[in-house]
PDB file of all heavy atoms in Angstrom:
ATOM      1  N   LEU A   1     -10.080 -33.547 -37.235  1.00  0.00           N
ATOM      2  CA  LEU A   1      -8.930 -34.444 -37.110  1.00  0.00           C
ATOM      3  C   LEU A   1      -7.629 -33.656 -37.077  1.00  0.00           C
ATOM      4  O   LEU A   1      -6.701 -34.005 -36.318  1.00  0.00           O
ATOM      5  CB  LEU A   1      -8.924 -35.433 -38.281  1.00  0.00           C
ATOM      6  CG  LEU A   1      -7.856 -36.530 -38.225  1.00  0.00           C
ATOM      7  CD1 LEU A   1      -8.039 -37.391 -36.984  1.00  0.00           C
ATOM      8  CD2 LEU A   1      -7.904 -37.382 -39.494  1.00  0.00           C
ATOM      9  N   LEU A   2      -7.520 -32.589 -37.871  1.00  0.00           N
ATOM     10  CA  LEU A   2      -6.305 -31.780 -37.902  1.00  0.00           C
ATOM     11  C   LEU A   2      -6.067 -31.107 -36.552  1.00  0.00           C
ATOM     12  O   LEU A   2      -4.936 -31.096 -36.037  1.00  0.00           O
ATOM     13  CB  LEU A   2      -6.413 -30.723 -39.001  1.00  0.00           C
ATOM     14  CG  LEU A   2      -5.215 -29.780 -39.150  1.00  0.00           C
ATOM     15  CD1 LEU A   2      -3.944 -30.553 -39.447  1.00  0.00           C
ATOM     16  CD2 LEU A   2      -5.482 -28.740 -40.245  1.00  0.00           C
ATOM     17  N   HIS A   3      -7.117 -30.548 -35.967  1.00  0.00           N
ATOM     18  CA  HIS A   3      -6.988 -29.889 -34.665  1.00  0.00           C
ATOM     19  C   HIS A   3      -6.557 -30.890 -33.585  1.00  0.00           C
ATOM     20  O   HIS A   3      -5.671 -30.592 -32.768  1.00  0.00           O
ATOM     21  CB  HIS A   3      -8.311 -29.241 -34.261  1.00  0.00           C
ATOM     22  CG  HIS A   3      -8.286 -28.648 -32.882  1.00  0.00           C
ATOM     23  ND1 HIS A   3      -7.801 -27.378 -32.633  1.00  0.00           N
ATOM     24  CD2 HIS A   3      -8.670 -29.159 -31.667  1.00  0.00           C
ATOM     25  CE1 HIS A   3      -7.885 -27.130 -31.332  1.00  0.00           C
ATOM     26  NE2 HIS A   3      -8.406 -28.185 -30.734  1.00  0.00           N
ATOM     27  N   ILE A   4      -7.150 -32.069 -33.598  1.00  0.00           N
ATOM     28  CA  ILE A   4      -6.812 -33.092 -32.605  1.00  0.00           C
ATOM     29  C   ILE A   4      -5.356 -33.538 -32.767  1.00  0.00           C
ATOM     30  O   ILE A   4      -4.616 -33.693 -31.781  1.00  0.00           O
ATOM     31  CB  ILE A   4      -7.767 -34.296 -32.732  1.00  0.00           C
ATOM     32  CG1 ILE A   4      -9.184 -33.881 -32.346  1.00  0.00           C
ATOM     33  CG2 ILE A   4      -7.300 -35.455 -31.852  1.00  0.00           C
ATOM     34  CD1 ILE A   4     -10.239 -34.935 -32.626  1.00  0.00           C
ATOM     35  N   ALA A   5      -4.917 -33.713 -34.024  1.00  0.00           N
ATOM     36  CA  ALA A   5      -3.537 -34.138 -34.281  1.00  0.00           C
ATOM     37  C   ALA A   5      -2.537 -33.085 -33.808  1.00  0.00           C
ATOM     38  O   ALA A   5      -1.519 -33.409 -33.170  1.00  0.00           O
ATOM     39  CB  ALA A   5      -3.348 -34.417 -35.773  1.00  0.00           C
ATOM     40  N   ILE A   6      -2.821 -31.809 -34.103  1.00  0.00           N
ATOM     41  CA  ILE A   6      -1.929 -30.725 -33.672  1.00  0.00           C
ATOM     42  C   ILE A   6      -1.902 -30.633 -32.147  1.00  0.00           C
ATOM     43  O   ILE A   6      -0.834 -30.482 -31.536  1.00  0.00           O
ATOM     44  CB  ILE A   6      -2.375 -29.391 -34.296  1.00  0.00           C
ATOM     45  CG1 ILE A   6      -2.167 -29.410 -35.805  1.00  0.00           C
ATOM     46  CG2 ILE A   6      -1.601 -28.222 -33.681  1.00  0.00           C
ATOM     47  CD1 ILE A   6      -2.736 -28.205 -36.528  1.00  0.00           C
ATOM     48  N   ALA A   7      -3.085 -30.733 -31.519  1.00  0.00           N
ATOM     49  CA  ALA A   7      -3.164 -30.620 -30.062  1.00  0.00           C
ATOM     50  C   ALA A   7      -2.397 -31.741 -29.372  1.00  0.00           C
ATOM     51  O   ALA A   7      -1.648 -31.505 -28.411  1.00  0.00           O
ATOM     52  CB  ALA A   7      -4.629 -30.622 -29.630  1.00  0.00           C
ATOM     53  N   LEU A   8      -2.557 -32.978 -29.862  1.00  0.00           N
ATOM     54  CA  LEU A   8      -1.856 -34.108 -29.256  1.00  0.00           C
ATOM     55  C   LEU A   8      -0.351 -34.014 -29.466  1.00  0.00           C
ATOM     56  O   LEU A   8       0.436 -34.308 -28.559  1.00  0.00           O
ATOM     57  CB  LEU A   8      -2.383 -35.425 -29.834  1.00  0.00           C
ATOM     58  CG  LEU A   8      -3.808 -35.817 -29.434  1.00  0.00           C
ATOM     59  CD1 LEU A   8      -4.235 -37.092 -30.140  1.00  0.00           C
ATOM     60  CD2 LEU A   8      -3.914 -35.986 -27.918  1.00  0.00           C
ATOM     61  N   SER A   9       0.062 -33.598 -30.665  1.00  0.00           N
ATOM     62  CA  SER A   9       1.485 -33.419 -30.944  1.00  0.00           C
ATOM     63  C   SER A   9       2.091 -32.349 -30.053  1.00  0.00           C
ATOM     64  O   SER A   9       3.178 -32.526 -29.487  1.00  0.00           O
ATOM     65  CB  SER A   9       1.681 -33.064 -32.419  1.00  0.00           C
ATOM     66  OG  SER A   9       3.020 -32.697 -32.674  1.00  0.00           O
ATOM     67  N   LEU A  10       1.375 -31.253 -29.910  1.00  0.00           N
ATOM     68  CA  LEU A  10       1.866 -30.145 -29.096  1.00  0.00           C
ATOM     69  C   LEU A  10       1.932 -30.524 -27.625  1.00  0.00           C
ATOM     70  O   LEU A  10       2.935 -30.281 -26.955  1.00  0.00           O
ATOM     71  CB  LEU A  10       0.965 -28.919 -29.289  1.00  0.00           C
ATOM     72  CG  LEU A  10       1.409 -27.605 -28.662  1.00  0.00           C
ATOM     73  CD1 LEU A  10       2.777 -27.205 -29.183  1.00  0.00           C
ATOM     74  CD2 LEU A  10       0.398 -26.515 -28.958  1.00  0.00           C
ATOM     75  N   PHE A  11       0.855 -31.157 -27.131  1.00  0.00           N
ATOM     76  CA  PHE A  11       0.842 -31.550 -25.726  1.00  0.00           C
ATOM     77  C   PHE A  11       1.932 -32.572 -25.416  1.00  0.00           C
ATOM     78  O   PHE A  11       2.659 -32.455 -24.427  1.00  0.00           O
ATOM     79  CB  PHE A  11      -0.526 -32.122 -25.349  1.00  0.00           C
ATOM     80  CG  PHE A  11      -0.569 -32.706 -23.967  1.00  0.00           C
ATOM     81  CD1 PHE A  11      -0.617 -31.886 -22.851  1.00  0.00           C
ATOM     82  CD2 PHE A  11      -0.538 -34.088 -23.781  1.00  0.00           C
ATOM     83  CE1 PHE A  11      -0.636 -32.425 -21.570  1.00  0.00           C
ATOM     84  CE2 PHE A  11      -0.564 -34.625 -22.512  1.00  0.00           C
ATOM     85  CZ  PHE A  11      -0.611 -33.801 -21.402  1.00  0.00           C
ATOM     86  N   GLY A  12       2.068 -33.581 -26.279  1.00  0.00           N
ATOM     87  CA  GLY A  12       3.068 -34.620 -26.045  1.00  0.00           C
ATOM     88  C   GLY A  12       4.488 -34.093 -26.065  1.00  0.00           C
ATOM     89  O   GLY A  12       5.286 -34.379 -25.163  1.00  0.00           O
ATOM     90  N   SER A  13       4.821 -33.293 -27.069  1.00  0.00           N
ATOM     91  CA  SER A  13       6.182 -32.759 -27.185  1.00  0.00           C
ATOM     92  C   SER A  13       6.500 -31.784 -26.056  1.00  0.00           C
ATOM     93  O   SER A  13       7.615 -31.772 -25.531  1.00  0.00           O
ATOM     94  CB  SER A  13       6.376 -32.090 -28.545  1.00  0.00           C
ATOM     95  OG  SER A  13       5.442 -31.040 -28.742  1.00  0.00           O
ATOM     96  N   CYS A  14       5.512 -30.980 -25.663  1.00  0.00           N
ATOM     97  CA  CYS A  14       5.745 -30.020 -24.565  1.00  0.00           C
ATOM     98  C   CYS A  14       5.968 -30.739 -23.238  1.00  0.00           C
ATOM     99  O   CYS A  14       6.863 -30.377 -22.473  1.00  0.00           O
ATOM    100  CB  CYS A  14       4.560 -29.066 -24.443  1.00  0.00           C
ATOM    101  SG  CYS A  14       4.413 -27.894 -25.801  1.00  0.00           S
ATOM    102  N   ALA A  15       5.152 -31.761 -22.965  1.00  0.00           N
ATOM    103  CA  ALA A  15       5.294 -32.507 -21.711  1.00  0.00           C
ATOM    104  C   ALA A  15       6.631 -33.233 -21.653  1.00  0.00           C
ATOM    105  O   ALA A  15       7.308 -33.240 -20.615  1.00  0.00           O
ATOM    106  CB  ALA A  15       4.136 -33.499 -21.572  1.00  0.00           C
ATOM    107  N   ILE A  16       7.037 -33.844 -22.767  1.00  0.00           N
ATOM    108  CA  ILE A  16       8.321 -34.556 -22.812  1.00  0.00           C
ATOM    109  C   ILE A  16       9.479 -33.583 -22.646  1.00  0.00           C
ATOM    110  O   ILE A  16      10.428 -33.828 -21.886  1.00  0.00           O
ATOM    111  CB  ILE A  16       8.450 -35.344 -24.129  1.00  0.00           C
ATOM    112  CG1 ILE A  16       7.437 -36.482 -24.159  1.00  0.00           C
ATOM    113  CG2 ILE A  16       9.863 -35.893 -24.309  1.00  0.00           C
ATOM    114  CD1 ILE A  16       7.338 -37.167 -25.512  1.00  0.00           C
ATOM    115  N   TYR A  17       9.412 -32.449 -23.374  1.00  0.00           N
ATOM    116  CA  TYR A  17      10.513 -31.487 -23.308  1.00  0.00           C
ATOM    117  C   TYR A  17      10.660 -30.892 -21.911  1.00  0.00           C
ATOM    118  O   TYR A  17      11.780 -30.748 -21.410  1.00  0.00           O
ATOM    119  CB  TYR A  17      10.309 -30.359 -24.320  1.00  0.00           C
ATOM    120  CG  TYR A  17      11.333 -29.270 -24.156  1.00  0.00           C
ATOM    121  CD1 TYR A  17      12.640 -29.444 -24.618  1.00  0.00           C
ATOM    122  CD2 TYR A  17      11.029 -28.071 -23.504  1.00  0.00           C
ATOM    123  CE1 TYR A  17      13.599 -28.473 -24.439  1.00  0.00           C
ATOM    124  CE2 TYR A  17      11.980 -27.091 -23.330  1.00  0.00           C
ATOM    125  CZ  TYR A  17      13.266 -27.286 -23.791  1.00  0.00           C
ATOM    126  OH  TYR A  17      14.222 -26.323 -23.606  1.00  0.00           O
ATOM    127  N   MET A  18       9.558 -30.546 -21.285  1.00  0.00           N
ATOM    128  CA  MET A  18       9.637 -29.895 -19.986  1.00  0.00           C
ATOM    129  C   MET A  18      10.278 -30.817 -18.950  1.00  0.00           C
ATOM    130  O   MET A  18      11.133 -30.390 -18.177  1.00  0.00           O
ATOM    131  CB  MET A  18       8.250 -29.445 -19.531  1.00  0.00           C
ATOM    132  CG  MET A  18       8.278 -28.355 -18.483  1.00  0.00           C
ATOM    133  SD  MET A  18       6.703 -27.493 -18.396  1.00  0.00           S
ATOM    134  CE  MET A  18       7.123 -26.143 -17.299  1.00  0.00           C
ATOM    135  N   ALA A  19       9.861 -32.088 -18.941  1.00  0.00           N
ATOM    136  CA  ALA A  19      10.444 -33.039 -17.998  1.00  0.00           C
ATOM    137  C   ALA A  19      11.907 -33.321 -18.338  1.00  0.00           C
ATOM    138  O   ALA A  19      12.782 -33.303 -17.462  1.00  0.00           O
ATOM    139  CB  ALA A  19       9.629 -34.332 -18.000  1.00  0.00           C
ATOM    140  N   GLY A  20      12.182 -33.579 -19.618  1.00  0.00           N
ATOM    141  CA  GLY A  20      13.540 -33.926 -20.018  1.00  0.00           C
ATOM    142  C   GLY A  20      14.534 -32.799 -19.839  1.00  0.00           C
ATOM    143  O   GLY A  20      15.658 -33.018 -19.352  1.00  0.00           O
ATOM    144  N   SER A  21      14.149 -31.586 -20.207  1.00  0.00           N
ATOM    145  CA  SER A  21      15.076 -30.452 -20.066  1.00  0.00           C
ATOM    146  C   SER A  21      15.326 -30.117 -18.603  1.00  0.00           C
ATOM    147  O   SER A  21      16.412 -29.668 -18.242  1.00  0.00           O
ATOM    148  CB  SER A  21      14.523 -29.230 -20.800  1.00  0.00           C
ATOM    149  OG  SER A  21      13.290 -28.810 -20.233  1.00  0.00           O
ATOM    150  N   PHE A  22      14.324 -30.370 -17.743  1.00  0.00           N
ATOM    151  CA  PHE A  22      14.527 -30.131 -16.311  1.00  0.00           C
ATOM    152  C   PHE A  22      15.530 -31.136 -15.750  1.00  0.00           C
ATOM    153  O   PHE A  22      16.375 -30.775 -14.907  1.00  0.00           O
ATOM    154  CB  PHE A  22      13.200 -30.228 -15.566  1.00  0.00           C
ATOM    155  CG  PHE A  22      13.312 -29.938 -14.097  1.00  0.00           C
ATOM    156  CD1 PHE A  22      13.577 -28.650 -13.656  1.00  0.00           C
ATOM    157  CD2 PHE A  22      13.173 -30.944 -13.165  1.00  0.00           C
ATOM    158  CE1 PHE A  22      13.704 -28.375 -12.301  1.00  0.00           C
ATOM    159  CE2 PHE A  22      13.291 -30.682 -11.807  1.00  0.00           C
ATOM    160  CZ  PHE A  22      13.559 -29.399 -11.374  1.00  0.00           C
ATOM    161  N   VAL A  23      15.462 -32.378 -16.201  1.00  0.00           N
ATOM    162  CA  VAL A  23      16.451 -33.378 -15.791  1.00  0.00           C
ATOM    163  C   VAL A  23      17.852 -32.958 -16.243  1.00  0.00           C
ATOM    164  O   VAL A  23      18.829 -33.065 -15.487  1.00  0.00           O
ATOM    165  CB  VAL A  23      16.088 -34.762 -16.370  1.00  0.00           C
ATOM    166  CG1 VAL A  23      17.221 -35.761 -16.145  1.00  0.00           C
ATOM    167  CG2 VAL A  23      14.806 -35.274 -15.735  1.00  0.00           C
ATOM    168  N   CYS A  24      17.966 -32.449 -17.465  1.00  0.00           N
ATOM    169  CA  CYS A  24      19.255 -31.966 -17.974  1.00  0.00           C
ATOM    170  C   CYS A  24      19.778 -30.803 -17.135  1.00  0.00           C
ATOM    171  O   CYS A  24      20.979 -30.717 -16.850  1.00  0.00           O
ATOM    172  CB  CYS A  24      19.121 -31.543 -19.436  1.00  0.00           C
ATOM    173  SG  CYS A  24      18.809 -32.902 -20.583  1.00  0.00           S
ATOM    174  N   ALA A  25      18.879 -29.905 -16.737  1.00  0.00           N
ATOM    175  CA  ALA A  25      19.287 -28.767 -15.906  1.00  0.00           C
ATOM    176  C   ALA A  25      19.814 -29.242 -14.552  1.00  0.00           C
ATOM    177  O   ALA A  25      20.800 -28.711 -14.038  1.00  0.00           O
ATOM    178  CB  ALA A  25      18.106 -27.815 -15.716  1.00  0.00           C
ATOM    179  N   LYS A  26      19.172 -30.263 -13.995  1.00  0.00           N
ATOM    180  CA  LYS A  26      19.627 -30.820 -12.715  1.00  0.00           C
ATOM    181  C   LYS A  26      21.022 -31.429 -12.864  1.00  0.00           C
ATOM    182  O   LYS A  26      21.889 -31.224 -12.002  1.00  0.00           O
ATOM    183  CB  LYS A  26      18.636 -31.877 -12.233  1.00  0.00           C
ATOM    184  CG  LYS A  26      17.270 -31.334 -11.850  1.00  0.00           C
ATOM    185  CD  LYS A  26      17.283 -30.659 -10.488  1.00  0.00           C
ATOM    186  CE  LYS A  26      17.357 -31.666  -9.371  1.00  0.00           C
ATOM    187  NZ  LYS A  26      17.249 -31.021  -8.036  1.00  0.00           N
ATOM    188  N   TYR A  27      21.261 -32.165 -13.936  1.00  0.00           N
ATOM    189  CA  TYR A  27      22.580 -32.739 -14.179  1.00  0.00           C
ATOM    190  C   TYR A  27      23.627 -31.652 -14.355  1.00  0.00           C
ATOM    191  O   TYR A  27      24.736 -31.742 -13.835  1.00  0.00           O
ATOM    192  CB  TYR A  27      22.547 -33.628 -15.425  1.00  0.00           C
ATOM    193  CG  TYR A  27      22.270 -35.082 -15.132  1.00  0.00           C
ATOM    194  CD1 TYR A  27      20.991 -35.612 -15.295  1.00  0.00           C
ATOM    195  CD2 TYR A  27      23.276 -35.932 -14.695  1.00  0.00           C
ATOM    196  CE1 TYR A  27      20.724 -36.946 -15.036  1.00  0.00           C
ATOM    197  CE2 TYR A  27      23.027 -37.266 -14.427  1.00  0.00           C
ATOM    198  CZ  TYR A  27      21.751 -37.770 -14.599  1.00  0.00           C
ATOM    199  OH  TYR A  27      21.493 -39.084 -14.330  1.00  0.00           O
ATOM    200  N   TYR A  28      23.275 -30.610 -15.103  1.00  0.00           N
ATOM    201  CA  TYR A  28      24.206 -29.517 -15.359  1.00  0.00           C
ATOM    202  C   TYR A  28      24.572 -28.795 -14.067  1.00  0.00           C
ATOM    203  O   TYR A  28      25.747 -28.491 -13.826  1.00  0.00           O
ATOM    204  CB  TYR A  28      23.582 -28.544 -16.359  1.00  0.00           C
ATOM    205  CG  TYR A  28      24.342 -27.249 -16.512  1.00  0.00           C
ATOM    206  CD1 TYR A  28      25.600 -27.238 -17.090  1.00  0.00           C
ATOM    207  CD2 TYR A  28      23.790 -26.031 -16.090  1.00  0.00           C
ATOM    208  CE1 TYR A  28      26.309 -26.055 -17.239  1.00  0.00           C
ATOM    209  CE2 TYR A  28      24.485 -24.857 -16.241  1.00  0.00           C
ATOM    210  CZ  TYR A  28      25.742 -24.869 -16.810  1.00  0.00           C
ATOM    211  OH  TYR A  28      26.438 -23.703 -16.947  1.00  0.00           O
ATOM    212  N   MET A  29      23.582 -28.545 -13.224  1.00  0.00           N
ATOM    213  CA  MET A  29      23.842 -27.866 -11.952  1.00  0.00           C
ATOM    214  C   MET A  29      24.688 -28.732 -11.024  1.00  0.00           C
ATOM    215  O   MET A  29      25.499 -28.229 -10.254  1.00  0.00           O
ATOM    216  CB  MET A  29      22.519 -27.518 -11.263  1.00  0.00           C
ATOM    217  CG  MET A  29      21.637 -26.553 -12.027  1.00  0.00           C
ATOM    218  SD  MET A  29      22.348 -24.922 -12.200  1.00  0.00           S
ATOM    219  CE  MET A  29      21.028 -24.073 -13.068  1.00  0.00           C
ATOM    220  N   ARG A  30      24.487 -30.041 -11.105  1.00  0.00           N
ATOM    221  CA  ARG A  30      25.225 -30.938 -10.220  1.00  0.00           C
ATOM    222  C   ARG A  30      26.710 -30.989 -10.558  1.00  0.00           C
ATOM    223  O   ARG A  30      27.557 -31.216  -9.678  1.00  0.00           O
ATOM    224  CB  ARG A  30      24.629 -32.353 -10.311  1.00  0.00           C
ATOM    225  CG  ARG A  30      25.109 -33.308  -9.240  1.00  0.00           C
ATOM    226  CD  ARG A  30      24.438 -34.654  -9.374  1.00  0.00           C
ATOM    227  NE  ARG A  30      24.844 -35.345 -10.590  1.00  0.00           N
ATOM    228  CZ  ARG A  30      24.447 -36.579 -10.916  1.00  0.00           C
ATOM    229  NH1 ARG A  30      23.604 -37.219 -10.120  1.00  0.00           N
ATOM    230  NH2 ARG A  30      24.852 -37.140 -12.039  1.00  0.00           N
ATOM    231  N   GLU A  31      27.035 -30.751 -11.830  1.00  0.00           N
ATOM    232  CA  GLU A  31      28.414 -30.879 -12.286  1.00  0.00           C
ATOM    233  C   GLU A  31      29.235 -29.598 -12.110  1.00  0.00           C
ATOM    234  O   GLU A  31      30.411 -29.580 -12.441  1.00  0.00           O
ATOM    235  CB  GLU A  31      28.433 -31.294 -13.769  1.00  0.00           C
ATOM    236  CG  GLU A  31      27.872 -32.679 -14.029  1.00  0.00           C
ATOM    237  CD  GLU A  31      28.713 -33.765 -13.400  1.00  0.00           C
ATOM    238  OE1 GLU A  31      29.945 -33.673 -13.473  1.00  0.00           O
ATOM    239  OE2 GLU A  31      28.126 -34.697 -12.821  1.00  0.00           O
ATOM    240  N   ARG A  32      28.629 -28.550 -11.598  1.00  0.00           N
ATOM    241  CA  ARG A  32      29.365 -27.284 -11.458  1.00  0.00           C
ATOM    242  C   ARG A  32      29.009 -26.620 -10.140  1.00  0.00           C
ATOM    243  O   ARG A  32      28.005 -26.956  -9.510  1.00  0.00           O
ATOM    244  CB  ARG A  32      29.040 -26.329 -12.614  1.00  0.00           C
ATOM    245  CG  ARG A  32      27.562 -26.078 -12.802  1.00  0.00           C
ATOM    246  CD  ARG A  32      27.315 -24.981 -13.809  1.00  0.00           C
ATOM    247  NE  ARG A  32      27.675 -23.670 -13.304  1.00  0.00           N
ATOM    248  CZ  ARG A  32      27.668 -22.555 -14.029  1.00  0.00           C
ATOM    249  NH1 ARG A  32      27.317 -22.616 -15.288  1.00  0.00           N
ATOM    250  NH2 ARG A  32      27.999 -21.406 -13.513  1.00  0.00           N
ATOM    251  N   SER A  33      29.861 -25.698  -9.727  1.00  0.00           N
ATOM    252  CA  SER A  33      29.582 -24.952  -8.495  1.00  0.00           C
ATOM    253  C   SER A  33      28.488 -23.935  -8.775  1.00  0.00           C
ATOM    254  O   SER A  33      28.583 -23.137  -9.719  1.00  0.00           O
ATOM    255  CB  SER A  33      30.849 -24.238  -8.011  1.00  0.00           C
ATOM    256  OG  SER A  33      31.355 -23.385  -9.013  1.00  0.00           O
TER     257      SER A  33
END
């Protein structure tokens, strides 16, 4: 159960962060030359 909980937490947070931070990078690039 501990391994499954860690794996799901890690996978979920990594997937959310990668998509969200990429969106932030796109916004940041759009606002500057």
